[in-house]
Protein backbone atom coordinates (compact mmCIF):
# COMPACT_ATOMS: atom_id res chain seq x y z
CA UNK A 1 0.00 0.00 0.00
CA UNK A 2 2.83 2.39 0.79
CA UNK A 3 4.46 1.66 -2.57
CA UNK A 4 1.19 2.50 -4.33
CA UNK A 5 0.86 5.80 -2.46
CA UNK A 6 4.47 6.71 -3.27
CA UNK A 7 3.92 5.90 -6.93
CA UNK A 8 0.77 8.04 -7.04
CA UNK A 9 2.58 10.94 -5.33
CA UNK A 10 5.43 10.66 -7.80
CA UNK A 11 3.02 10.74 -10.75
CA UNK A 12 1.15 13.69 -9.27
CA UNK A 13 4.39 15.61 -8.74
CA UNK A 14 5.36 14.98 -12.36
CA UNK A 15 1.96 16.22 -13.60
CA UNK A 16 2.19 19.35 -11.43
CA UNK A 17 5.67 20.20 -12.73
CA UNK A 18 4.39 19.84 -16.31
CA UNK A 19 1.56 22.30 -15.62
CA UNK A 20 2.83 25.87 -15.83
CA UNK A 21 0.57 28.85 -15.33
CA UNK A 22 1.14 31.53 -17.94
CA UNK A 23 2.32 34.96 -16.87
CA UNK A 24 1.65 38.27 -18.59
CA UNK A 25 4.62 40.52 -19.27
CA UNK A 26 4.62 44.10 -20.45
CA UNK A 27 7.68 45.92 -21.72
CA UNK A 28 6.88 49.60 -22.00
CA UNK A 29 9.15 52.17 -23.64
CA UNK A 30 8.42 55.85 -23.09
CA UNK A 31 9.97 59.07 -24.29
CA UNK A 32 9.04 61.86 -21.92
CA UNK A 33 8.83 65.47 -23.07
CA UNK A 34 11.82 67.24 -21.56
CA UNK A 35 9.75 70.03 -19.98
CA UNK A 36 7.44 67.47 -18.29
CA UNK A 37 10.09 65.13 -16.87
CA UNK A 38 9.58 66.18 -13.22
CA UNK A 39 5.83 65.63 -13.52
CA UNK A 40 6.46 62.20 -15.06
CA UNK A 41 8.88 61.18 -12.31
CA UNK A 42 6.28 61.94 -9.64
CA UNK A 43 3.59 59.98 -11.50
CA UNK A 44 5.72 56.94 -12.24
CA UNK A 45 7.06 56.75 -8.69
CA UNK A 46 3.51 56.64 -7.36
CA UNK A 47 2.46 54.10 -10.02
CA UNK A 48 5.43 51.78 -9.54
CA UNK A 49 5.33 51.72 -5.74
CA UNK A 50 1.57 51.13 -5.61
CA UNK A 51 1.63 48.57 -8.44
CA UNK A 52 4.19 46.42 -6.63
CA UNK A 53 1.62 45.95 -3.86
CA UNK A 54 -1.22 44.88 -6.17
CA UNK A 55 -2.50 41.31 -6.06
CA UNK A 56 -0.87 39.40 -8.91
CA UNK A 57 1.86 41.94 -9.67
CA UNK A 58 5.07 39.92 -9.67
CA UNK A 59 7.39 42.69 -10.83
CA UNK A 60 7.29 46.37 -11.77
CA UNK A 61 10.64 47.91 -12.71
CA UNK A 62 11.32 51.36 -14.11
CA UNK A 63 14.68 51.98 -15.78
CA UNK A 64 16.02 55.32 -16.96
CA UNK A 65 18.22 54.68 -19.99
CA UNK A 66 21.87 55.70 -19.82
CA UNK A 67 21.88 57.40 -23.23
CA UNK A 68 18.76 59.56 -22.82
CA UNK A 69 17.49 60.95 -19.49
CA UNK A 70 13.97 61.27 -20.94
CA UNK A 71 13.70 57.66 -22.13
CA UNK A 72 12.45 55.01 -19.72
CA UNK A 73 11.74 51.29 -19.93
CA UNK A 74 9.22 49.61 -17.64
CA UNK A 75 9.16 45.88 -17.09
CA UNK A 76 5.88 44.66 -15.61
CA UNK A 77 5.06 41.05 -14.83
CA UNK A 78 1.63 39.83 -13.73
CA UNK A 79 0.42 36.42 -12.61
CA UNK A 80 -2.57 36.43 -14.97
CA UNK A 81 -5.02 38.51 -17.00
CA UNK A 82 -7.10 39.31 -13.90
CA UNK A 83 -4.06 40.96 -12.31
CA UNK A 84 -3.54 43.08 -15.44
CA UNK A 85 -7.23 44.04 -15.45
CA UNK A 86 -6.99 45.04 -11.79
CA UNK A 87 -3.89 47.13 -12.50
CA UNK A 88 -5.59 48.87 -15.41
CA UNK A 89 -8.39 50.10 -13.13
CA UNK A 90 -6.19 51.74 -10.50
CA UNK A 91 -6.31 55.55 -10.13
CA UNK A 92 -2.51 55.95 -10.16
CA UNK A 93 -2.37 54.24 -13.58
CA UNK A 94 -5.24 56.39 -14.82
CA UNK A 95 -3.14 59.44 -13.88
CA UNK A 96 -0.35 58.10 -16.12
CA UNK A 97 -2.87 57.54 -18.93
CA UNK A 98 -4.02 61.17 -18.59
CA UNK A 99 -0.37 62.25 -18.77
CA UNK A 100 0.05 60.33 -22.04
CA UNK A 101 -3.19 61.74 -23.44
CA UNK A 102 -2.04 65.28 -22.62
CA UNK A 103 1.08 64.77 -24.76
CA UNK A 104 3.49 64.32 -21.86
CA UNK A 105 5.16 61.31 -23.43
CA UNK A 106 5.20 58.93 -26.35
CA UNK A 107 4.65 55.29 -25.43
CA UNK A 108 5.14 51.86 -26.99
CA UNK A 109 3.82 48.78 -25.17
CA UNK A 110 4.89 45.24 -25.99
CA UNK A 111 2.82 42.49 -24.39
CA UNK A 112 3.41 38.76 -24.14
CA UNK A 113 1.74 35.86 -22.39
CA UNK A 114 4.10 32.99 -21.69
CA UNK A 115 5.84 30.92 -19.09
CA UNK A 116 9.05 31.14 -17.09
CA UNK A 117 11.77 29.24 -18.90
CA UNK A 118 14.12 28.99 -15.90
CA UNK A 119 13.80 29.00 -12.13
């Protein structure tokens, strides 16, 4: 009986390791208007800090590029589509959207759904 239980546990563990939940990643590139940089920095600080505490947000990084102080790359990683939907409804993100709509920055968003390839 113990051998049967061990065999079943081994099979279950194998099935679990084969099942990988997809994650949603966003790579966002922005070019901020030089005269609105300070406003952007305040908005993105608020957005990044709050986003990191959202349910399902696995990562939210903001990088200022070395070659252009007005170019930034965000790397956002979410556990699933529900986490992205939740993020998209938050007031601090809506403030960033308003900033974009007012011409404060140009934005390109690349989105992918996939799985982690390494631990």
